[in-house]
C-alpha cells in the first residue's frame, strides 16, 4: 500500500525491518538502550552487537529523545533508537509512541536521511494495540511532513499478516479518509 502525502512517499509493507533498504531504521527502544528482545533484539542479532555497544555509550535516553548509531551489518546506514518505554519490557503509551516517533523523525532530519523505516512503535513488547500505535505514529508523521522535511520516503513495516491488516486500516483512516 502506497500513499503520497505532501510529496513524501509513505509505504505500508509486510517484512523484516532488518532487511529493508533505507538510510535509517527506527528501534523502539527502552531508555537504557538494552537490545534484548523484539525489534531491538532482531537489529542486534542481524546487525551485530556493535550496534548495542554504540547505543549503550549514549544511554540513558529519555522518552521524547533519540540517538543515532551505525547500522552494523544491516543494509541501512543508521539505526535511530527512540525510546517508547523507560525500562526493558515496560508498557508503552500512545503519548510515548507519539514522542518517540517525533524524536525519530527529528533525528532523521539531523543526520540528513532521505528514507526511514518504522516498525509498530510501542506494539509487541510495549503492549499497545497495533492500530493505536500506528495511528499515533501517523499523526506525528503527518505533522512532521507539514513542515519542511528532507525525507522523501517513509516505510511502515508490519511483521506478519495480522499486523499488516492493522497497519493498512490505520493508514487508510488517517491518510485517505482524513487527509
N, C-alpha and C. Protein backbone atom coordinates (compact mmCIF):
# COMPACT_ATOMS: atom_id res chain seq x y z
N UNK A 1 0.86 -1.17 0.00
CA UNK A 1 0.00 0.00 0.00
C UNK A 1 0.90 1.23 0.00
N UNK A 2 0.65 2.14 -0.94
CA UNK A 2 1.50 3.32 -1.09
C UNK A 2 0.63 4.57 -1.08
N UNK A 3 1.09 5.57 -0.34
CA UNK A 3 0.42 6.87 -0.27
C UNK A 3 1.45 7.94 -0.61
N UNK A 4 0.98 9.05 -1.11
CA UNK A 4 1.84 10.22 -1.26
C UNK A 4 1.17 11.33 -0.45
N UNK A 5 1.92 11.88 0.50
CA UNK A 5 1.40 12.95 1.34
C UNK A 5 2.36 14.12 1.26
N UNK A 6 1.87 15.23 0.72
CA UNK A 6 2.69 16.45 0.59
C UNK A 6 4.03 16.15 -0.09
N UNK A 7 4.02 15.26 -1.06
CA UNK A 7 5.23 14.94 -1.82
C UNK A 7 6.10 13.84 -1.22
N UNK A 8 5.75 13.36 -0.03
CA UNK A 8 6.53 12.29 0.61
C UNK A 8 5.82 10.96 0.37
N UNK A 9 6.59 9.98 -0.07
CA UNK A 9 6.06 8.64 -0.30
C UNK A 9 5.97 7.90 1.03
N UNK A 10 4.78 7.40 1.37
CA UNK A 10 4.58 6.61 2.58
C UNK A 10 4.14 5.23 2.14
N UNK A 11 4.93 4.22 2.49
CA UNK A 11 4.64 2.85 2.09
C UNK A 11 4.32 2.01 3.32
N UNK A 12 3.33 1.13 3.17
CA UNK A 12 2.99 0.17 4.22
C UNK A 12 3.30 -1.21 3.64
N UNK A 13 4.25 -1.90 4.25
CA UNK A 13 4.68 -3.19 3.73
C UNK A 13 4.81 -4.21 4.86
N UNK A 14 4.73 -5.47 4.48
CA UNK A 14 5.00 -6.54 5.43
C UNK A 14 6.45 -6.95 5.24
N UNK A 15 7.16 -7.17 6.33
CA UNK A 15 8.54 -7.59 6.18
C UNK A 15 9.34 -7.49 7.45
N UNK A 16 10.63 -7.57 7.26
CA UNK A 16 11.61 -7.56 8.34
C UNK A 16 12.39 -6.25 8.26
N UNK A 17 12.28 -5.43 9.28
CA UNK A 17 12.92 -4.11 9.27
C UNK A 17 14.45 -4.22 9.13
N UNK A 18 15.01 -5.35 9.51
CA UNK A 18 16.46 -5.50 9.41
C UNK A 18 16.92 -5.77 7.98
N UNK A 19 15.98 -6.00 7.08
CA UNK A 19 16.33 -6.30 5.69
C UNK A 19 15.94 -5.20 4.71
N UNK A 20 15.33 -4.15 5.21
CA UNK A 20 14.81 -3.10 4.34
C UNK A 20 15.93 -2.16 3.89
N UNK A 21 15.85 -1.74 2.65
CA UNK A 21 16.88 -0.88 2.08
C UNK A 21 16.45 0.59 2.19
N UNK A 22 16.78 1.19 3.32
CA UNK A 22 16.53 2.60 3.59
C UNK A 22 17.77 3.15 4.28
N UNK A 23 17.83 4.46 4.41
CA UNK A 23 19.00 5.04 5.08
C UNK A 23 18.96 4.85 6.59
N UNK A 24 17.76 4.93 7.17
CA UNK A 24 17.65 4.81 8.63
C UNK A 24 16.49 3.90 9.00
N UNK A 25 16.71 3.08 10.02
CA UNK A 25 15.62 2.29 10.60
C UNK A 25 15.44 2.73 12.05
N UNK A 26 14.23 2.58 12.55
CA UNK A 26 13.94 3.02 13.90
C UNK A 26 13.80 1.82 14.83
N UNK A 27 14.49 1.91 15.96
CA UNK A 27 14.39 0.92 17.02
C UNK A 27 13.55 1.53 18.14
N UNK A 28 12.34 0.97 18.39
CA UNK A 28 11.53 1.45 19.51
C UNK A 28 12.14 0.94 20.82
N UNK A 29 13.06 1.68 21.33
CA UNK A 29 13.95 1.24 22.40
C UNK A 29 13.36 1.43 23.80
N UNK A 30 14.14 0.97 24.77
CA UNK A 30 13.91 1.35 26.17
C UNK A 30 14.97 2.40 26.48
N UNK A 31 14.77 3.17 27.54
CA UNK A 31 15.67 4.28 27.87
C UNK A 31 17.11 3.85 28.13
N UNK A 32 17.29 2.60 28.56
CA UNK A 32 18.64 2.10 28.83
C UNK A 32 19.36 1.64 27.56
N UNK A 33 18.60 1.55 26.46
CA UNK A 33 19.11 1.11 25.16
C UNK A 33 19.66 -0.32 25.20
N UNK A 34 19.05 -1.14 26.06
CA UNK A 34 19.35 -2.58 26.07
C UNK A 34 18.59 -3.22 24.92
N UNK A 35 19.27 -4.02 24.13
CA UNK A 35 18.67 -4.59 22.92
C UNK A 35 18.49 -6.09 23.06
N UNK A 36 17.53 -6.50 23.89
CA UNK A 36 17.35 -7.92 24.15
C UNK A 36 16.32 -8.61 23.29
N UNK A 37 15.12 -8.05 23.22
CA UNK A 37 14.04 -8.74 22.51
C UNK A 37 13.36 -7.85 21.50
N UNK A 38 12.33 -8.38 20.87
CA UNK A 38 11.53 -7.63 19.91
C UNK A 38 12.37 -7.11 18.75
N UNK A 39 12.02 -5.93 18.27
CA UNK A 39 12.73 -5.31 17.15
C UNK A 39 14.20 -5.07 17.51
N UNK A 40 14.44 -4.59 18.72
CA UNK A 40 15.81 -4.32 19.16
C UNK A 40 16.68 -5.57 19.10
N UNK A 41 16.14 -6.68 19.58
CA UNK A 41 16.88 -7.94 19.56
C UNK A 41 17.18 -8.38 18.14
N UNK A 42 16.22 -8.21 17.24
CA UNK A 42 16.44 -8.58 15.83
C UNK A 42 17.52 -7.70 15.20
N UNK A 43 17.50 -6.41 15.52
CA UNK A 43 18.51 -5.49 14.99
C UNK A 43 19.90 -5.92 15.48
N UNK A 44 20.00 -6.24 16.75
CA UNK A 44 21.29 -6.66 17.31
C UNK A 44 21.76 -7.99 16.72
N UNK A 45 20.84 -8.96 16.60
CA UNK A 45 21.22 -10.27 16.04
C UNK A 45 21.72 -10.14 14.60
N UNK A 46 21.02 -9.38 13.79
CA UNK A 46 21.37 -9.30 12.37
C UNK A 46 22.41 -8.24 12.06
N UNK A 47 22.42 -7.18 12.84
CA UNK A 47 23.34 -6.07 12.57
C UNK A 47 24.65 -6.18 13.32
N UNK A 48 24.64 -6.94 14.41
CA UNK A 48 25.85 -7.11 15.21
C UNK A 48 25.77 -6.41 16.55
N UNK A 49 26.50 -6.97 17.52
CA UNK A 49 26.48 -6.43 18.89
C UNK A 49 27.07 -5.03 18.97
N UNK A 50 27.85 -4.63 17.96
CA UNK A 50 28.44 -3.29 18.00
C UNK A 50 27.36 -2.21 18.01
N UNK A 51 26.18 -2.50 17.45
CA UNK A 51 25.09 -1.51 17.47
C UNK A 51 24.68 -1.25 18.92
N UNK A 52 24.48 -2.32 19.68
CA UNK A 52 24.11 -2.15 21.08
C UNK A 52 25.23 -1.48 21.87
N UNK A 53 26.46 -1.87 21.64
CA UNK A 53 27.58 -1.26 22.37
C UNK A 53 27.64 0.24 22.11
N UNK A 54 27.48 0.63 20.85
CA UNK A 54 27.50 2.05 20.49
C UNK A 54 26.32 2.78 21.14
N UNK A 55 25.15 2.16 21.11
CA UNK A 55 23.96 2.77 21.71
C UNK A 55 24.11 2.92 23.21
N UNK A 56 24.60 1.89 23.88
CA UNK A 56 24.72 1.91 25.34
C UNK A 56 25.64 3.03 25.83
N UNK A 57 26.62 3.40 25.00
CA UNK A 57 27.51 4.52 25.38
C UNK A 57 26.74 5.84 25.44
N UNK A 58 25.57 5.89 24.81
CA UNK A 58 24.76 7.12 24.76
C UNK A 58 23.58 7.07 25.74
N UNK A 59 23.44 5.97 26.46
CA UNK A 59 22.32 5.79 27.39
C UNK A 59 22.61 6.52 28.70
N UNK A 60 21.60 6.86 29.46
CA UNK A 60 20.18 6.67 29.20
C UNK A 60 19.63 7.76 28.28
N UNK A 61 18.53 7.43 27.62
CA UNK A 61 17.86 8.35 26.70
C UNK A 61 16.40 8.44 27.14
N UNK A 62 15.93 9.64 27.33
CA UNK A 62 14.55 9.83 27.79
C UNK A 62 13.55 9.65 26.65
N UNK A 63 12.34 9.27 27.00
CA UNK A 63 11.26 9.24 26.02
C UNK A 63 11.09 10.66 25.50
N UNK A 64 11.07 10.79 24.19
CA UNK A 64 11.00 12.11 23.56
C UNK A 64 12.33 12.54 22.97
N UNK A 65 13.37 11.76 23.24
CA UNK A 65 14.69 11.99 22.65
C UNK A 65 15.05 10.75 21.84
N UNK A 66 16.07 10.87 21.01
CA UNK A 66 16.53 9.73 20.21
C UNK A 66 18.03 9.87 20.01
N UNK A 67 18.70 8.74 19.82
CA UNK A 67 20.12 8.74 19.49
C UNK A 67 20.32 7.90 18.24
N UNK A 68 21.37 8.22 17.53
CA UNK A 68 21.66 7.55 16.27
C UNK A 68 22.95 6.76 16.41
N UNK A 69 22.93 5.54 15.87
CA UNK A 69 24.15 4.73 15.81
C UNK A 69 24.33 4.25 14.38
N UNK A 70 25.48 3.67 14.14
CA UNK A 70 25.70 2.99 12.86
C UNK A 70 24.75 1.79 12.81
N UNK A 71 24.65 1.17 11.64
CA UNK A 71 23.72 0.04 11.48
C UNK A 71 24.46 -1.28 11.33
N UNK A 72 25.74 -1.31 11.63
CA UNK A 72 26.48 -2.57 11.58
C UNK A 72 26.37 -3.25 10.23
N UNK A 73 25.95 -4.50 10.24
CA UNK A 73 25.86 -5.30 9.01
C UNK A 73 24.53 -5.16 8.29
N UNK A 74 23.66 -4.29 8.77
CA UNK A 74 22.34 -4.11 8.15
C UNK A 74 22.47 -3.28 6.86
N UNK A 75 21.49 -3.38 5.95
CA UNK A 75 21.55 -2.58 4.73
C UNK A 75 21.40 -1.07 4.99
N UNK A 76 20.75 -0.69 6.09
CA UNK A 76 20.58 0.73 6.43
C UNK A 76 21.94 1.33 6.82
N UNK A 77 22.02 2.65 6.77
CA UNK A 77 23.23 3.35 7.23
C UNK A 77 23.20 3.57 8.74
N UNK A 78 21.99 3.87 9.25
CA UNK A 78 21.85 4.25 10.65
C UNK A 78 20.69 3.52 11.32
N UNK A 79 20.82 3.40 12.65
CA UNK A 79 19.71 2.98 13.49
C UNK A 79 19.39 4.16 14.40
N UNK A 80 18.13 4.56 14.40
CA UNK A 80 17.67 5.63 15.29
C UNK A 80 16.96 4.95 16.46
N UNK A 81 17.52 5.11 17.64
CA UNK A 81 16.98 4.49 18.85
C UNK A 81 16.09 5.52 19.55
N UNK A 82 14.79 5.27 19.52
CA UNK A 82 13.82 6.21 20.10
C UNK A 82 13.00 5.49 21.15
N UNK A 83 13.27 5.73 22.43
CA UNK A 83 12.56 5.00 23.49
C UNK A 83 11.05 5.25 23.51
N UNK A 84 10.32 4.14 23.62
CA UNK A 84 8.88 4.19 23.85
C UNK A 84 8.55 3.76 25.28
N UNK A 85 9.54 3.18 25.96
CA UNK A 85 9.39 2.75 27.36
C UNK A 85 10.66 3.11 28.13
N UNK A 86 10.53 3.23 29.44
CA UNK A 86 11.69 3.57 30.26
C UNK A 86 12.55 2.35 30.52
N UNK A 87 11.94 1.26 30.94
CA UNK A 87 12.73 0.07 31.27
C UNK A 87 12.39 -1.07 30.30
N UNK A 88 13.30 -2.02 30.14
CA UNK A 88 13.01 -3.16 29.27
C UNK A 88 11.71 -3.85 29.69
N UNK A 89 10.91 -4.24 28.70
CA UNK A 89 9.62 -4.90 28.90
C UNK A 89 8.59 -4.00 29.58
N UNK A 90 8.84 -2.69 29.58
CA UNK A 90 7.87 -1.75 30.13
C UNK A 90 6.69 -1.59 29.18
N UNK A 91 5.66 -0.88 29.62
CA UNK A 91 4.46 -0.66 28.82
C UNK A 91 4.53 0.69 28.13
N UNK A 92 4.27 0.68 26.83
CA UNK A 92 4.23 1.91 26.05
C UNK A 92 2.85 2.54 26.17
N UNK A 93 2.78 3.83 25.90
CA UNK A 93 1.52 4.56 25.86
C UNK A 93 1.41 5.25 24.51
N UNK A 94 0.23 5.73 24.18
CA UNK A 94 0.07 6.49 22.94
C UNK A 94 0.97 7.71 22.98
N UNK A 95 1.06 8.36 24.14
CA UNK A 95 1.92 9.54 24.28
C UNK A 95 3.39 9.18 24.05
N UNK A 96 3.85 8.05 24.62
CA UNK A 96 5.26 7.69 24.45
C UNK A 96 5.56 7.34 22.99
N UNK A 97 4.59 6.72 22.30
CA UNK A 97 4.78 6.41 20.88
C UNK A 97 4.84 7.69 20.06
N UNK A 98 3.97 8.64 20.37
CA UNK A 98 3.99 9.93 19.67
C UNK A 98 5.32 10.64 19.87
N UNK A 99 5.77 10.69 21.12
CA UNK A 99 7.04 11.37 21.42
C UNK A 99 8.22 10.67 20.75
N UNK A 100 8.23 9.33 20.76
CA UNK A 100 9.32 8.58 20.15
C UNK A 100 9.33 8.76 18.63
N UNK A 101 8.16 8.77 18.02
CA UNK A 101 8.07 8.97 16.57
C UNK A 101 8.58 10.35 16.20
N UNK A 102 8.15 11.35 16.93
CA UNK A 102 8.60 12.73 16.69
C UNK A 102 10.12 12.82 16.84
N UNK A 103 10.67 12.19 17.87
CA UNK A 103 12.12 12.21 18.10
C UNK A 103 12.87 11.51 16.98
N UNK A 104 12.34 10.39 16.50
CA UNK A 104 12.99 9.66 15.41
C UNK A 104 13.00 10.48 14.12
N UNK A 105 11.89 11.13 13.82
CA UNK A 105 11.83 11.98 12.63
C UNK A 105 12.81 13.15 12.73
N UNK A 106 12.88 13.75 13.90
CA UNK A 106 13.81 14.85 14.14
C UNK A 106 15.26 14.38 13.96
N UNK A 107 15.57 13.19 14.48
CA UNK A 107 16.92 12.63 14.34
C UNK A 107 17.23 12.34 12.87
N UNK A 108 16.26 11.84 12.14
CA UNK A 108 16.46 11.56 10.71
C UNK A 108 16.80 12.84 9.96
N UNK A 109 16.13 13.92 10.30
CA UNK A 109 16.42 15.21 9.66
C UNK A 109 17.84 15.67 10.02
N UNK A 110 18.21 15.50 11.28
CA UNK A 110 19.53 15.96 11.73
C UNK A 110 20.67 15.24 11.02
N UNK A 111 20.47 13.95 10.69
CA UNK A 111 21.54 13.21 10.01
C UNK A 111 21.42 13.29 8.48
N UNK A 112 20.36 13.94 8.01
CA UNK A 112 20.18 14.12 6.57
C UNK A 112 19.65 12.90 5.84
N UNK A 113 18.98 12.01 6.55
CA UNK A 113 18.41 10.82 5.91
C UNK A 113 17.27 11.22 4.99
N UNK A 114 17.17 10.55 3.83
CA UNK A 114 16.03 10.82 2.95
C UNK A 114 15.01 9.70 3.00
N UNK A 115 15.34 8.60 3.70
CA UNK A 115 14.38 7.50 3.84
C UNK A 115 14.52 6.89 5.24
N UNK A 116 13.37 6.47 5.77
CA UNK A 116 13.33 5.94 7.12
C UNK A 116 12.26 4.84 7.20
N UNK A 117 12.52 3.82 8.00
CA UNK A 117 11.55 2.74 8.20
C UNK A 117 11.21 2.63 9.68
N UNK A 118 9.91 2.52 9.94
CA UNK A 118 9.39 2.37 11.30
C UNK A 118 8.69 1.03 11.46
N UNK A 119 8.94 0.33 12.56
CA UNK A 119 8.07 -0.80 12.92
C UNK A 119 6.86 -0.22 13.66
N UNK A 120 6.01 -1.07 14.19
CA UNK A 120 4.88 -0.60 15.01
C UNK A 120 5.44 -0.19 16.37
N UNK A 121 5.71 1.08 16.53
CA UNK A 121 6.31 1.61 17.75
C UNK A 121 5.39 1.35 18.94
N UNK A 122 5.94 0.73 19.99
CA UNK A 122 5.17 0.51 21.22
C UNK A 122 4.23 -0.68 21.19
N UNK A 123 4.09 -1.32 20.03
CA UNK A 123 3.29 -2.55 19.96
C UNK A 123 4.24 -3.70 20.29
N UNK A 124 3.83 -4.90 20.18
CA UNK A 124 4.71 -6.01 20.53
C UNK A 124 5.02 -5.98 22.01
N UNK A 125 6.29 -5.96 22.36
CA UNK A 125 6.71 -5.97 23.76
C UNK A 125 6.11 -4.78 24.53
N UNK A 126 5.97 -3.63 23.87
CA UNK A 126 5.41 -2.43 24.51
C UNK A 126 3.95 -2.56 24.91
N UNK A 127 3.23 -3.50 24.28
CA UNK A 127 1.88 -3.82 24.70
C UNK A 127 0.74 -3.02 24.10
N UNK A 128 1.02 -2.01 23.30
CA UNK A 128 -0.07 -1.24 22.68
C UNK A 128 -0.69 -2.03 21.54
N UNK A 129 -1.96 -1.80 21.28
CA UNK A 129 -2.61 -2.38 20.11
C UNK A 129 -1.95 -1.78 18.86
N UNK A 130 -1.72 -2.59 17.86
CA UNK A 130 -1.02 -2.13 16.66
C UNK A 130 -1.72 -0.94 16.04
N UNK A 131 -3.03 -1.03 15.88
CA UNK A 131 -3.76 0.06 15.22
C UNK A 131 -3.60 1.38 15.97
N UNK A 132 -3.66 1.34 17.29
CA UNK A 132 -3.50 2.57 18.09
C UNK A 132 -2.08 3.11 17.95
N UNK A 133 -1.09 2.21 17.96
CA UNK A 133 0.30 2.63 17.80
C UNK A 133 0.51 3.29 16.44
N UNK A 134 0.00 2.65 15.39
CA UNK A 134 0.19 3.18 14.03
C UNK A 134 -0.53 4.52 13.86
N UNK A 135 -1.71 4.66 14.44
CA UNK A 135 -2.41 5.95 14.37
C UNK A 135 -1.58 7.06 15.03
N UNK A 136 -1.03 6.76 16.20
CA UNK A 136 -0.20 7.75 16.89
C UNK A 136 1.02 8.11 16.04
N UNK A 137 1.63 7.10 15.45
CA UNK A 137 2.80 7.33 14.59
C UNK A 137 2.42 8.19 13.38
N UNK A 138 1.32 7.84 12.72
CA UNK A 138 0.92 8.57 11.52
C UNK A 138 0.53 10.01 11.81
N UNK A 139 -0.06 10.26 12.96
CA UNK A 139 -0.36 11.66 13.32
C UNK A 139 0.93 12.47 13.39
N UNK A 140 1.97 11.88 14.00
CA UNK A 140 3.26 12.59 14.08
C UNK A 140 3.94 12.70 12.72
N UNK A 141 3.84 11.65 11.91
CA UNK A 141 4.44 11.68 10.57
C UNK A 141 3.77 12.76 9.73
N UNK A 142 2.43 12.82 9.76
CA UNK A 142 1.72 13.86 9.01
C UNK A 142 2.13 15.25 9.49
N UNK A 143 2.18 15.44 10.79
CA UNK A 143 2.56 16.73 11.35
C UNK A 143 3.98 17.11 10.92
N UNK A 144 4.87 16.14 10.93
CA UNK A 144 6.26 16.39 10.53
C UNK A 144 6.34 16.80 9.06
N UNK A 145 5.60 16.11 8.22
CA UNK A 145 5.63 16.40 6.78
C UNK A 145 5.03 17.77 6.48
N UNK A 146 4.14 18.24 7.33
CA UNK A 146 3.54 19.57 7.15
C UNK A 146 4.62 20.66 7.17
N UNK A 147 5.69 20.40 7.91
CA UNK A 147 6.79 21.35 7.96
C UNK A 147 7.78 21.05 6.84
N UNK A 148 8.95 21.60 6.96
CA UNK A 148 9.99 21.34 5.97
C UNK A 148 10.65 20.01 6.29
N UNK A 149 10.85 19.17 5.28
CA UNK A 149 11.48 17.88 5.51
C UNK A 149 12.38 17.49 4.35
N UNK A 150 13.46 16.80 4.69
CA UNK A 150 14.34 16.21 3.68
C UNK A 150 13.89 14.80 3.33
N UNK A 151 13.00 14.26 4.15
CA UNK A 151 12.54 12.89 3.93
C UNK A 151 11.74 12.79 2.63
N UNK A 152 12.08 11.77 1.85
CA UNK A 152 11.37 11.52 0.60
C UNK A 152 10.52 10.26 0.69
N UNK A 153 10.91 9.36 1.60
CA UNK A 153 10.26 8.06 1.69
C UNK A 153 10.21 7.60 3.14
N UNK A 154 9.00 7.23 3.58
CA UNK A 154 8.79 6.71 4.93
C UNK A 154 8.10 5.36 4.78
N UNK A 155 8.70 4.33 5.37
CA UNK A 155 8.15 2.99 5.27
C UNK A 155 7.68 2.54 6.65
N UNK A 156 6.44 2.06 6.68
CA UNK A 156 5.89 1.45 7.90
C UNK A 156 5.93 -0.05 7.67
N UNK A 157 6.68 -0.76 8.52
CA UNK A 157 6.89 -2.18 8.33
C UNK A 157 6.07 -2.99 9.32
N UNK A 158 5.21 -3.83 8.78
CA UNK A 158 4.39 -4.71 9.61
C UNK A 158 5.04 -6.09 9.65
N UNK A 159 5.02 -6.69 10.82
CA UNK A 159 5.56 -8.04 10.99
C UNK A 159 4.38 -9.01 11.03
N UNK A 160 4.09 -9.65 9.91
CA UNK A 160 3.01 -10.63 9.83
C UNK A 160 1.73 -10.08 9.22
N UNK A 161 0.90 -10.99 8.75
CA UNK A 161 -0.33 -10.63 8.04
C UNK A 161 -1.33 -9.87 8.91
N UNK A 162 -1.50 -10.28 10.17
CA UNK A 162 -2.43 -9.59 11.06
C UNK A 162 -1.98 -8.15 11.28
N UNK A 163 -0.71 -7.97 11.52
CA UNK A 163 -0.17 -6.62 11.71
C UNK A 163 -0.34 -5.79 10.44
N UNK A 164 -0.12 -6.40 9.29
CA UNK A 164 -0.26 -5.68 8.02
C UNK A 164 -1.69 -5.15 7.86
N UNK A 165 -2.68 -5.96 8.20
CA UNK A 165 -4.08 -5.51 8.11
C UNK A 165 -4.31 -4.30 9.01
N UNK A 166 -3.77 -4.34 10.23
CA UNK A 166 -3.92 -3.22 11.16
C UNK A 166 -3.22 -1.97 10.65
N UNK A 167 -2.02 -2.13 10.09
CA UNK A 167 -1.28 -1.00 9.51
C UNK A 167 -2.09 -0.37 8.38
N UNK A 168 -2.62 -1.22 7.49
CA UNK A 168 -3.38 -0.72 6.35
C UNK A 168 -4.65 0.00 6.79
N UNK A 169 -5.34 -0.56 7.76
CA UNK A 169 -6.57 0.04 8.26
C UNK A 169 -6.29 1.42 8.85
N UNK A 170 -5.31 1.52 9.72
CA UNK A 170 -4.97 2.79 10.35
C UNK A 170 -4.48 3.80 9.31
N UNK A 171 -3.68 3.34 8.36
CA UNK A 171 -3.15 4.23 7.32
C UNK A 171 -4.28 4.77 6.44
N UNK A 172 -5.21 3.91 6.07
CA UNK A 172 -6.34 4.35 5.26
C UNK A 172 -7.16 5.40 6.00
N UNK A 173 -7.41 5.16 7.28
CA UNK A 173 -8.19 6.11 8.07
C UNK A 173 -7.53 7.48 8.12
N UNK A 174 -6.22 7.50 8.34
CA UNK A 174 -5.53 8.77 8.54
C UNK A 174 -5.03 9.42 7.26
N UNK A 175 -4.74 8.64 6.24
CA UNK A 175 -4.16 9.22 5.03
C UNK A 175 -5.15 9.36 3.87
N UNK A 176 -6.21 8.56 3.87
CA UNK A 176 -7.19 8.66 2.79
C UNK A 176 -8.44 9.39 3.28
N UNK A 177 -9.01 8.92 4.38
CA UNK A 177 -10.28 9.46 4.86
C UNK A 177 -10.12 10.71 5.71
N UNK A 178 -8.90 11.03 6.07
CA UNK A 178 -8.67 12.21 6.92
C UNK A 178 -7.37 12.90 6.50
N UNK A 179 -7.27 13.28 5.22
CA UNK A 179 -6.01 13.90 4.75
C UNK A 179 -5.90 15.27 5.33
